[in-house]
N, C-alpha and C. Protein backbone atom coordinates (compact mmCIF):
# COMPACT_ATOMS: atom_id res chain seq x y z
N MET A 1 -13.77 7.67 3.44
CA MET A 1 -12.64 6.26 2.58
C MET A 1 -12.54 6.18 4.05
N SER A 2 -11.46 5.21 4.41
CA SER A 2 -11.57 4.13 5.73
C SER A 2 -9.90 4.55 5.67
N PHE A 3 -9.05 4.43 6.69
CA PHE A 3 -7.73 4.10 6.98
C PHE A 3 -7.50 3.41 8.35
N ILE A 4 -6.42 2.63 7.27
CA ILE A 4 -5.58 0.84 7.79
C ILE A 4 -4.82 1.47 8.96
N GLU A 5 -3.79 1.29 8.42
CA GLU A 5 -2.76 1.28 9.29
C GLU A 5 -2.16 3.51 9.35
N ASN A 6 -1.79 3.26 10.57
CA ASN A 6 -1.06 4.56 11.52
C ASN A 6 0.06 5.18 11.38
N THR A 7 1.52 5.52 11.09
CA THR A 7 2.93 5.94 11.72
C THR A 7 3.00 6.83 12.47
N ASN A 8 3.11 6.86 13.90
CA ASN A 8 3.07 8.56 13.26
C ASN A 8 5.00 7.94 13.22
N ASN A 9 4.56 9.83 13.09
CA ASN A 9 6.48 9.96 12.55
C ASN A 9 6.64 11.76 13.03
N GLY A 10 6.25 11.98 13.51
CA GLY A 10 7.12 12.53 14.61
C GLY A 10 8.10 13.01 15.50
N GLU A 11 9.04 11.89 14.62
CA GLU A 11 10.09 12.12 15.49
C GLU A 11 11.28 13.17 14.22
N ALA A 12 11.98 14.18 15.32
CA ALA A 12 13.73 15.01 14.03
C ALA A 12 14.07 15.16 13.73
N PHE A 13 14.33 14.91 12.47
CA PHE A 13 15.43 14.46 12.40
C PHE A 13 16.41 15.35 11.49
N ASP A 14 17.32 16.14 13.36
CA ASP A 14 18.41 17.19 13.54
C ASP A 14 19.68 16.65 13.62
N TYR A 15 20.74 16.58 13.55
CA TYR A 15 21.82 15.66 13.76
C TYR A 15 23.31 16.89 13.52
N THR A 16 23.77 16.96 15.48
CA THR A 16 24.99 17.59 14.77
C THR A 16 26.20 15.95 14.87
N VAL A 17 26.89 16.60 13.74
CA VAL A 17 28.63 15.49 14.02
C VAL A 17 29.29 15.77 14.56
N GLY A 18 30.43 16.10 15.43
CA GLY A 18 31.68 16.85 15.02
C GLY A 18 32.65 15.16 14.81
N HIS A 19 33.72 15.62 15.03
CA HIS A 19 35.17 14.55 14.45
C HIS A 19 34.40 13.76 15.29
N GLY A 20 35.04 12.41 14.52
CA GLY A 20 35.14 11.35 15.70
C GLY A 20 33.57 10.63 16.04
N SER A 21 32.65 11.49 15.57
CA SER A 21 31.21 10.72 15.91
C SER A 21 30.85 9.88 15.06
N ASN A 22 29.64 9.19 15.48
CA ASN A 22 29.31 7.95 14.08
C ASN A 22 27.66 8.19 14.29
N LEU A 23 27.30 8.09 13.44
CA LEU A 23 25.52 6.99 12.82
C LEU A 23 25.87 5.91 12.55
N ALA A 24 24.21 6.08 12.97
CA ALA A 24 23.92 4.52 12.51
C ALA A 24 23.60 4.58 10.43
N ASN A 25 23.60 3.77 10.08
CA ASN A 25 23.10 3.40 8.55
C ASN A 25 22.17 4.17 8.23
N ASN A 26 21.18 4.25 8.96
CA ASN A 26 20.47 5.08 8.18
C ASN A 26 19.61 6.27 8.65
N ASP A 27 20.91 6.93 9.69
CA ASP A 27 20.45 8.14 10.55
C ASP A 27 20.40 9.78 8.75
N ILE A 28 20.84 9.13 7.68
CA ILE A 28 21.55 10.74 7.08
C ILE A 28 19.56 10.17 5.67
N ILE A 29 19.81 9.22 5.67
CA ILE A 29 19.06 8.32 4.98
C ILE A 29 18.11 8.01 4.98
N HIS A 30 16.63 8.10 4.76
CA HIS A 30 15.97 7.64 5.03
C HIS A 30 14.77 8.06 4.41
N GLY A 31 13.10 7.04 4.01
CA GLY A 31 11.58 7.70 3.61
C GLY A 31 11.10 6.86 4.18
N TYR A 32 9.77 6.86 3.51
CA TYR A 32 8.74 6.76 4.14
C TYR A 32 7.54 6.24 3.03
N VAL A 33 7.00 5.00 3.34
CA VAL A 33 5.63 4.88 1.99
C VAL A 33 4.36 4.86 2.46
N THR A 34 3.50 6.09 1.54
CA THR A 34 2.26 5.54 1.42
C THR A 34 1.87 4.43 0.51
N ILE A 35 0.55 4.02 1.61
CA ILE A 35 -0.32 2.68 0.51
C ILE A 35 -1.80 3.18 0.50
N ILE A 36 -2.13 3.58 -1.08
CA ILE A 36 -3.34 3.74 -1.09
C ILE A 36 -4.17 2.85 -1.72
N LYS A 37 -4.99 2.63 -1.50
CA LYS A 37 -5.99 1.40 -2.69
C LYS A 37 -7.07 2.61 -3.03
N ASN A 38 -7.29 2.16 -4.70
CA ASN A 38 -8.34 2.93 -5.05
C ASN A 38 -8.62 4.13 -4.51
N ALA A 39 -6.89 5.09 -5.03
CA ALA A 39 -7.38 6.54 -4.29
C ALA A 39 -7.95 6.83 -5.56
N GLY A 40 -9.24 7.96 -4.94
CA GLY A 40 -9.00 9.52 -5.51
C GLY A 40 -10.69 8.38 -6.38
N LYS A 41 -11.57 7.47 -5.18
CA LYS A 41 -12.81 7.02 -6.24
C LYS A 41 -13.80 6.66 -4.38
N ASP A 42 -14.58 6.11 -4.42
CA ASP A 42 -15.78 6.55 -3.39
C ASP A 42 -15.25 5.64 -2.57
N ASN A 43 -15.16 4.42 -3.13
CA ASN A 43 -13.98 3.54 -1.62
C ASN A 43 -12.46 3.57 -1.56
N GLU A 44 -12.43 4.15 -1.80
CA GLU A 44 -10.37 4.51 -1.17
C GLU A 44 -10.10 4.67 0.41
N GLU A 45 -9.26 3.42 0.49
CA GLU A 45 -8.09 2.97 1.40
C GLU A 45 -7.23 3.63 1.48
N VAL A 46 -6.43 4.05 2.77
CA VAL A 46 -5.27 4.76 2.83
C VAL A 46 -4.70 3.65 3.50
N ILE A 47 -4.15 2.20 3.03
CA ILE A 47 -3.28 1.13 4.31
C ILE A 47 -2.22 1.19 4.83
N VAL A 48 -1.42 2.48 4.71
CA VAL A 48 -0.59 3.17 5.72
C VAL A 48 -0.21 4.49 5.03
N LYS A 49 0.35 5.18 5.80
CA LYS A 49 0.81 6.23 5.16
C LYS A 49 1.94 7.38 6.42
N ASN A 50 3.21 6.52 5.59
CA ASN A 50 4.22 7.86 6.22
C ASN A 50 4.62 6.68 7.42
N LYS A 51 5.02 5.22 6.72
CA LYS A 51 5.70 4.54 7.23
C LYS A 51 6.76 3.86 7.64
N HIS A 52 8.06 4.39 7.85
CA HIS A 52 9.36 4.71 7.88
C HIS A 52 10.18 3.35 7.17
N ASN A 53 10.78 3.14 6.18
CA ASN A 53 11.12 2.06 5.92
C ASN A 53 12.69 2.14 5.61
N LEU A 54 12.89 0.67 5.09
CA LEU A 54 14.63 0.55 5.95
C LEU A 54 15.15 0.48 4.17
N LEU A 55 17.02 1.32 4.07
CA LEU A 55 17.20 1.81 2.99
C LEU A 55 18.32 0.18 3.34
N THR A 56 17.76 -0.58 2.07
CA THR A 56 19.17 -2.17 2.49
C THR A 56 20.81 -1.44 1.96
N ASN A 57 21.34 -2.92 2.51
CA ASN A 57 22.67 -2.12 2.52
C ASN A 57 23.11 -2.09 0.99
N GLY A 58 23.05 -2.81 -0.13
CA GLY A 58 22.85 -2.32 -1.49
C GLY A 58 22.59 -1.14 -1.79
N GLY A 59 21.60 -0.86 -1.43
CA GLY A 59 20.71 0.43 -1.73
C GLY A 59 21.20 1.48 -1.06
N ARG A 60 22.11 1.40 0.47
CA ARG A 60 22.82 2.80 0.67
C ARG A 60 24.59 2.26 -0.30
N ASP A 61 25.06 1.02 -0.53
CA ASP A 61 26.28 1.32 -1.55
C ASP A 61 26.06 1.88 -2.76
N TYR A 62 25.39 1.43 -3.37
CA TYR A 62 24.71 2.16 -4.19
C TYR A 62 24.36 2.96 -4.29
N PHE A 63 23.44 4.05 -3.99
CA PHE A 63 23.72 5.41 -3.45
C PHE A 63 25.07 5.74 -3.27
N ILE A 64 25.56 6.01 -2.07
CA ILE A 64 27.34 6.74 -2.18
C ILE A 64 28.02 6.10 -3.97
N ALA A 65 28.15 5.30 -4.47
CA ALA A 65 28.21 4.91 -5.75
C ALA A 65 28.18 6.40 -6.62
N GLN A 66 26.67 6.79 -6.83
CA GLN A 66 25.80 7.27 -7.76
C GLN A 66 25.98 8.61 -7.98
N CYS A 67 26.80 9.40 -6.15
CA CYS A 67 26.74 10.72 -5.83
C CYS A 67 28.55 10.79 -5.16
N TYR A 68 29.01 9.98 -5.09
CA TYR A 68 30.65 9.93 -4.83
C TYR A 68 31.91 8.89 -6.03
N THR A 69 30.89 7.89 -5.68
CA THR A 69 32.54 6.94 -6.05
C THR A 69 32.04 6.67 -8.06
N ASN A 70 31.22 6.51 -8.45
CA ASN A 70 30.80 6.08 -9.85
C ASN A 70 31.69 7.13 -10.83
N THR A 71 32.38 6.65 -11.25
CA THR A 71 33.44 7.31 -12.63
C THR A 71 33.46 7.05 -14.06
N SER A 72 31.88 6.34 -14.35
CA SER A 72 31.40 6.27 -15.37
C SER A 72 29.92 7.11 -16.10
N ALA A 73 29.30 6.65 -17.53
CA ALA A 73 28.44 7.56 -17.63
C ALA A 73 26.99 7.54 -16.75
N GLY A 74 26.69 8.81 -15.89
CA GLY A 74 25.95 8.40 -15.71
C GLY A 74 24.99 6.42 -14.89
N GLY A 75 23.56 7.13 -13.97
CA GLY A 75 23.71 6.29 -13.83
C GLY A 75 22.08 6.21 -13.68
N VAL A 76 20.89 4.75 -13.63
CA VAL A 76 19.72 5.21 -13.77
C VAL A 76 19.49 5.00 -11.86
N GLY A 77 18.42 5.96 -12.03
CA GLY A 77 17.64 5.85 -9.53
C GLY A 77 17.25 5.13 -9.64
N ALA A 78 17.00 4.55 -7.95
CA ALA A 78 16.43 3.28 -8.18
C ALA A 78 15.05 3.49 -7.31
N ASN A 79 14.65 3.96 -9.05
CA ASN A 79 13.05 4.79 -8.51
C ASN A 79 11.69 4.18 -9.50
N PHE A 80 11.93 2.73 -9.93
CA PHE A 80 11.52 1.62 -9.89
C PHE A 80 10.07 1.41 -8.82
N ILE A 81 8.94 0.91 -8.56
CA ILE A 81 8.77 0.69 -8.17
C ILE A 81 8.03 -1.08 -8.18
N ALA A 82 8.21 -1.78 -7.11
CA ALA A 82 7.65 -3.39 -6.55
C ALA A 82 7.16 -3.42 -5.96
N LEU A 83 6.30 -5.17 -5.86
CA LEU A 83 5.46 -4.98 -5.02
C LEU A 83 5.23 -6.47 -4.56
N SER A 84 4.80 -7.23 -4.23
CA SER A 84 5.15 -8.18 -3.70
C SER A 84 3.60 -8.80 -2.38
N GLU A 85 3.46 -10.02 -2.72
CA GLU A 85 2.75 -10.18 -1.72
C GLU A 85 3.53 -11.47 -0.50
N ASN A 86 4.68 -11.28 -0.50
CA ASN A 86 5.23 -11.86 0.36
C ASN A 86 4.90 -11.07 2.48
N SER A 87 5.14 -11.79 3.15
CA SER A 87 4.70 -11.57 3.88
C SER A 87 6.27 -11.69 6.02
N SER A 88 8.01 -12.36 4.89
CA SER A 88 8.21 -12.21 5.60
C SER A 88 9.33 -11.20 5.78
N GLY A 89 8.37 -9.93 5.51
CA GLY A 89 8.96 -8.85 5.47
C GLY A 89 10.60 -8.15 5.00
N ALA A 90 10.90 -6.71 5.43
CA ALA A 90 11.72 -6.01 4.94
C ALA A 90 12.67 -6.56 6.30
N ALA A 91 14.60 -5.57 5.33
CA ALA A 91 15.35 -6.48 6.11
C ALA A 91 16.78 -6.03 5.38
N VAL A 92 17.74 -5.51 5.80
CA VAL A 92 18.90 -4.26 4.85
C VAL A 92 19.60 -5.70 4.59
N GLY A 93 19.53 -6.28 4.90
CA GLY A 93 19.96 -7.16 3.97
C GLY A 93 19.52 -7.77 2.40
N HIS A 94 18.19 -7.47 2.24
CA HIS A 94 17.92 -8.10 1.76
C HIS A 94 18.81 -7.50 -0.13
N THR A 95 18.25 -8.04 -1.11
CA THR A 95 18.64 -8.48 -2.85
C THR A 95 17.97 -8.04 -3.66
N ALA A 96 16.67 -8.71 -2.95
CA ALA A 96 15.84 -8.48 -3.97
C ALA A 96 13.69 -8.43 -3.10
N VAL A 97 12.93 -9.07 -3.48
CA VAL A 97 12.15 -8.66 -3.50
C VAL A 97 11.44 -9.33 -2.40
N ALA A 98 11.00 -10.56 -1.81
CA ALA A 98 10.86 -11.66 -1.82
C ALA A 98 9.54 -11.89 -2.86
N GLY A 99 9.50 -12.97 -3.67
CA GLY A 99 7.70 -13.51 -3.93
C GLY A 99 7.85 -11.86 -4.86
N GLU A 100 8.60 -11.32 -5.65
CA GLU A 100 8.18 -10.08 -6.15
C GLU A 100 6.49 -10.41 -7.28
N ILE A 101 6.22 -10.20 -7.71
CA ILE A 101 4.84 -9.88 -8.91
C ILE A 101 5.23 -9.06 -9.97
N THR A 102 4.28 -10.58 -10.79
CA THR A 102 5.36 -10.07 -12.01
C THR A 102 4.21 -9.66 -13.09
N THR A 103 3.41 -9.98 -12.75
CA THR A 103 2.03 -10.34 -13.45
C THR A 103 0.53 -9.28 -12.67
N ASN A 104 -0.28 -9.60 -13.98
CA ASN A 104 -1.57 -8.82 -12.90
C ASN A 104 -1.85 -6.99 -13.12
N GLY A 105 -0.59 -6.30 -13.74
CA GLY A 105 -1.15 -5.06 -13.31
C GLY A 105 -0.05 -4.61 -11.84
N LEU A 106 0.36 -5.16 -11.08
CA LEU A 106 1.33 -5.38 -10.33
C LEU A 106 2.05 -5.68 -10.25
N ALA A 107 2.35 -5.25 -12.19
CA ALA A 107 4.14 -5.42 -11.85
C ALA A 107 5.21 -4.66 -12.37
N ARG A 108 6.36 -5.30 -11.30
CA ARG A 108 7.39 -3.32 -10.80
C ARG A 108 7.10 -3.06 -13.07
N ALA A 109 7.07 -1.56 -11.65
CA ALA A 109 6.94 -0.36 -12.56
C ALA A 109 7.57 1.08 -12.96
N ILE A 110 7.50 2.30 -13.24
CA ILE A 110 8.59 3.13 -13.12
C ILE A 110 7.60 4.52 -12.38
N SER A 111 8.70 5.14 -11.52
CA SER A 111 8.04 5.46 -10.70
C SER A 111 7.26 6.99 -11.60
N SER A 112 6.95 8.30 -11.10
CA SER A 112 6.93 9.53 -11.33
C SER A 112 7.15 10.33 -10.20
N PRO A 113 8.51 10.58 -10.40
CA PRO A 113 9.82 10.87 -9.56
C PRO A 113 9.89 12.27 -9.38
N THR A 114 9.53 13.43 -8.47
CA THR A 114 9.65 14.65 -8.91
C THR A 114 10.86 15.12 -7.53
N HIS A 115 11.14 16.27 -7.36
CA HIS A 115 11.90 17.61 -6.44
C HIS A 115 12.72 18.48 -6.43
N SER A 116 11.74 18.99 -5.46
CA SER A 116 12.78 20.20 -5.78
C SER A 116 13.81 20.82 -5.58
N SER A 117 14.36 21.48 -6.73
CA SER A 117 15.26 22.57 -6.16
C SER A 117 16.01 22.75 -4.85
N GLY A 118 17.25 22.27 -4.65
CA GLY A 118 17.28 22.44 -3.32
C GLY A 118 17.00 22.59 -2.07
N THR A 119 16.13 21.77 -2.28
CA THR A 119 15.33 20.80 -1.12
C THR A 119 16.08 19.52 -1.22
N ASN A 120 16.09 18.80 0.41
CA ASN A 120 16.55 17.28 0.01
C ASN A 120 15.65 16.24 0.33
N SER A 121 14.61 16.19 -0.36
CA SER A 121 13.25 15.66 -0.20
C SER A 121 12.99 14.76 -2.04
N THR A 122 12.71 13.40 -2.20
CA THR A 122 12.51 13.28 -3.94
C THR A 122 10.92 12.24 -3.17
N THR A 123 10.51 12.59 -3.94
CA THR A 123 8.90 11.40 -4.54
C THR A 123 9.30 10.86 -5.85
N LEU A 124 8.83 9.34 -5.16
CA LEU A 124 7.83 8.97 -6.06
C LEU A 124 6.94 8.45 -5.99
N VAL A 125 5.65 8.08 -6.77
CA VAL A 125 4.56 8.00 -7.25
C VAL A 125 4.42 7.05 -8.11
N LYS A 126 3.44 6.24 -8.09
CA LYS A 126 3.29 4.79 -8.95
C LYS A 126 1.15 4.39 -8.56
N THR A 127 0.97 5.26 -9.30
CA THR A 127 -0.57 3.27 -8.99
C THR A 127 -0.46 2.63 -9.95
N PHE A 128 -0.87 1.55 -9.13
CA PHE A 128 -0.52 0.40 -10.44
C PHE A 128 -2.31 0.04 -10.75
N THR A 129 -2.88 -0.69 -11.54
CA THR A 129 -4.19 -1.32 -11.28
C THR A 129 -4.12 -2.47 -12.20
N ALA A 130 -4.63 -3.25 -10.97
CA ALA A 130 -4.98 -4.46 -10.40
C ALA A 130 -5.88 -4.70 -11.72
N SER A 131 -5.19 -6.21 -12.91
CA SER A 131 -6.30 -6.99 -14.24
C SER A 131 -6.25 -8.30 -13.67
N GLY A 132 -6.21 -8.99 -11.84
CA GLY A 132 -6.82 -9.25 -11.29
C GLY A 132 -6.79 -9.70 -10.17
N SER A 133 -7.08 -10.54 -9.10
CA SER A 133 -6.98 -10.27 -8.41
C SER A 133 -5.68 -11.37 -7.29
N PHE A 134 -5.37 -10.41 -5.92
CA PHE A 134 -4.75 -11.07 -5.12
C PHE A 134 -4.85 -10.61 -3.95
N SER A 135 -3.69 -11.02 -3.04
CA SER A 135 -4.97 -11.72 -1.81
C SER A 135 -4.20 -11.29 -0.20
N ALA A 136 -3.06 -10.48 -0.90
CA ALA A 136 -2.61 -9.92 0.29
C ALA A 136 -1.00 -9.52 0.01
N VAL A 137 -1.49 -8.10 -0.87
CA VAL A 137 0.06 -7.16 -0.96
C VAL A 137 0.72 -6.91 -0.46
N GLN A 138 2.18 -6.59 0.29
CA GLN A 138 1.86 -6.21 1.91
C GLN A 138 3.52 -5.77 1.65
N LEU A 139 4.23 -6.20 0.96
CA LEU A 139 5.56 -5.30 0.78
C LEU A 139 5.61 -4.61 -0.12
N SER A 140 6.55 -3.50 -0.42
CA SER A 140 7.11 -3.01 -1.31
C SER A 140 8.58 -2.45 -1.35
N GLY A 141 8.95 -1.89 -3.43
CA GLY A 141 10.44 -2.20 -2.65
C GLY A 141 10.64 -0.97 -3.91
N THR A 142 11.95 -0.18 -3.86
CA THR A 142 12.86 0.39 -5.10
C THR A 142 13.73 0.31 -6.50
N PHE A 143 13.50 -0.34 -6.86
CA PHE A 143 14.72 -0.77 -8.11
C PHE A 143 15.70 0.18 -8.75
N ASN A 144 16.56 0.22 -9.41
CA ASN A 144 17.22 0.83 -10.25
C ASN A 144 16.31 0.43 -11.72
N GLN A 145 15.90 -0.76 -11.88
CA GLN A 145 16.05 -1.05 -13.33
C GLN A 145 14.67 -2.03 -13.20
N LEU A 146 13.74 -1.36 -14.42
CA LEU A 146 12.51 -2.18 -14.82
C LEU A 146 12.51 -4.48 -14.95
N ALA A 147 13.49 -4.52 -15.90
CA ALA A 147 13.60 -5.58 -15.19
C ALA A 147 14.29 -6.28 -13.46
N VAL A 148 13.27 -7.93 -13.26
CA VAL A 148 13.35 -7.99 -12.32
C VAL A 148 15.07 -8.05 -12.53
N GLY A 149 15.49 -7.88 -10.77
CA GLY A 149 16.42 -7.63 -10.67
C GLY A 149 17.59 -6.53 -10.33
N GLY A 150 18.40 -6.48 -10.54
CA GLY A 150 18.84 -5.06 -10.02
C GLY A 150 19.18 -5.01 -8.77
N THR A 151 19.50 -3.41 -7.68
CA THR A 151 19.45 -3.18 -6.58
C THR A 151 18.71 -2.62 -6.09
N LEU A 152 18.27 -3.21 -5.17
CA LEU A 152 17.41 -2.81 -4.61
C LEU A 152 17.96 -1.27 -3.35
N GLY A 153 17.38 -0.65 -3.43
CA GLY A 153 17.79 0.30 -2.31
C GLY A 153 16.41 1.14 -1.61
N HIS A 154 15.40 0.84 -1.37
CA HIS A 154 14.41 0.79 -0.15
C HIS A 154 13.27 -0.17 -0.35
N GLU A 155 12.66 -0.75 1.50
CA GLU A 155 11.78 -1.34 1.22
C GLU A 155 11.39 -1.83 1.98
N ALA A 156 10.41 -1.58 2.36
CA ALA A 156 9.25 -1.84 3.06
C ALA A 156 7.76 -2.36 3.23
N THR A 157 7.44 -3.07 4.60
CA THR A 157 6.10 -3.26 4.63
C THR A 157 4.99 -2.89 5.46
N PHE A 158 3.57 -2.30 4.54
CA PHE A 158 2.96 -2.45 5.08
C PHE A 158 1.31 -3.21 5.32
N ALA A 159 0.07 -2.73 6.19
CA ALA A 159 -0.86 -3.69 6.56
C ALA A 159 -0.97 -4.30 5.13
N SER A 160 -1.48 -6.12 5.49
CA SER A 160 -1.85 -5.98 3.72
C SER A 160 -3.15 -5.86 3.73
N VAL A 161 -3.41 -5.90 2.13
CA VAL A 161 -4.20 -5.16 1.42
C VAL A 161 -5.10 -5.99 0.18
N ALA A 162 -6.03 -6.89 -0.10
CA ALA A 162 -6.60 -7.42 -0.55
C ALA A 162 -7.25 -6.69 -2.39
N LEU A 163 -6.76 -6.89 -3.36
CA LEU A 163 -7.42 -6.10 -4.51
C LEU A 163 -7.57 -7.30 -5.53
N VAL A 164 -9.09 -6.62 -6.35
CA VAL A 164 -9.54 -7.68 -7.57
C VAL A 164 -9.63 -6.82 -8.78
N SER A 165 -9.08 -7.09 -9.62
CA SER A 165 -9.61 -7.03 -11.35
C SER A 165 -9.94 -4.96 -10.88
N GLY A 166 -9.61 -4.25 -11.48
CA GLY A 166 -9.93 -2.76 -11.45
C GLY A 166 -10.06 -2.23 -10.03
N ASP A 167 -9.17 -2.88 -9.30
CA ASP A 167 -9.02 -1.54 -7.81
C ASP A 167 -6.85 -0.91 -8.49
N THR A 168 -7.76 -0.73 -7.65
CA THR A 168 -5.92 1.04 -7.58
C THR A 168 -4.96 0.78 -6.48
N LEU A 169 -3.51 0.65 -6.64
CA LEU A 169 -2.74 1.19 -5.27
C LEU A 169 -2.10 1.32 -5.43
N GLN A 170 -2.02 3.15 -5.13
CA GLN A 170 -1.08 4.09 -5.08
C GLN A 170 -0.54 3.83 -3.86
N VAL A 171 1.35 3.74 -4.82
CA VAL A 171 2.49 3.51 -3.60
C VAL A 171 2.96 5.41 -3.99
N THR A 172 2.98 5.86 -2.63
CA THR A 172 4.05 6.37 -2.96
C THR A 172 5.17 6.85 -1.14
N TRP A 173 6.48 6.85 -2.41
CA TRP A 173 8.05 6.58 -1.44
C TRP A 173 8.07 8.44 -2.17
N THR A 174 8.37 8.47 -0.31
CA THR A 174 9.33 9.97 0.05
C THR A 174 10.59 9.81 0.51
N LEU A 175 11.78 10.15 -0.09
CA LEU A 175 12.77 9.28 0.80
C LEU A 175 13.72 11.13 1.11
N THR A 176 14.10 10.69 1.43
CA THR A 176 14.92 12.63 2.16
C THR A 176 16.66 12.33 2.30
N LEU A 177 18.04 12.91 2.10
CA LEU A 177 19.23 12.01 2.03
C LEU A 177 19.63 13.35 2.49
N GLY A 178 20.05 13.93 3.88
CA GLY A 178 21.16 14.22 4.50
C GLY A 178 20.03 15.21 5.40
């Protein structure tokens, strides 16, 4: 197994907030992304492990609506994962993953979300299998629908990885609320 990028996440997320105190937009809702090429195979590569991601402005508004202000029946979580070869990076103002891949096994797909009752963390996992070649997959995001469009909840970049047909890319988002 090889390891491409490491992000140290030893920071503590412990906040005391008094009346009139302000927190930055991403202080309470945050998450990490892990990307593994050919997970479980002899040629497994950890592309990035636990890299902090961005909560977009649209994602923040969507989560607030889902938790507090949505008065209509239900909504779908932002548990669909998208990938891109775009190198422009992640930004809180993004509403889409630039250059989102829509073919050859890497099209947006629903994850397998897990959450343990009583905890504040959720994990979204999806293993994509390439059916074509990609030279530089390096951006991922979560959405609230399968079709292109919808609300971009989280977005993160990672070290560029090339894939050929048959390679897999396991994407794990670990998201914390509170």
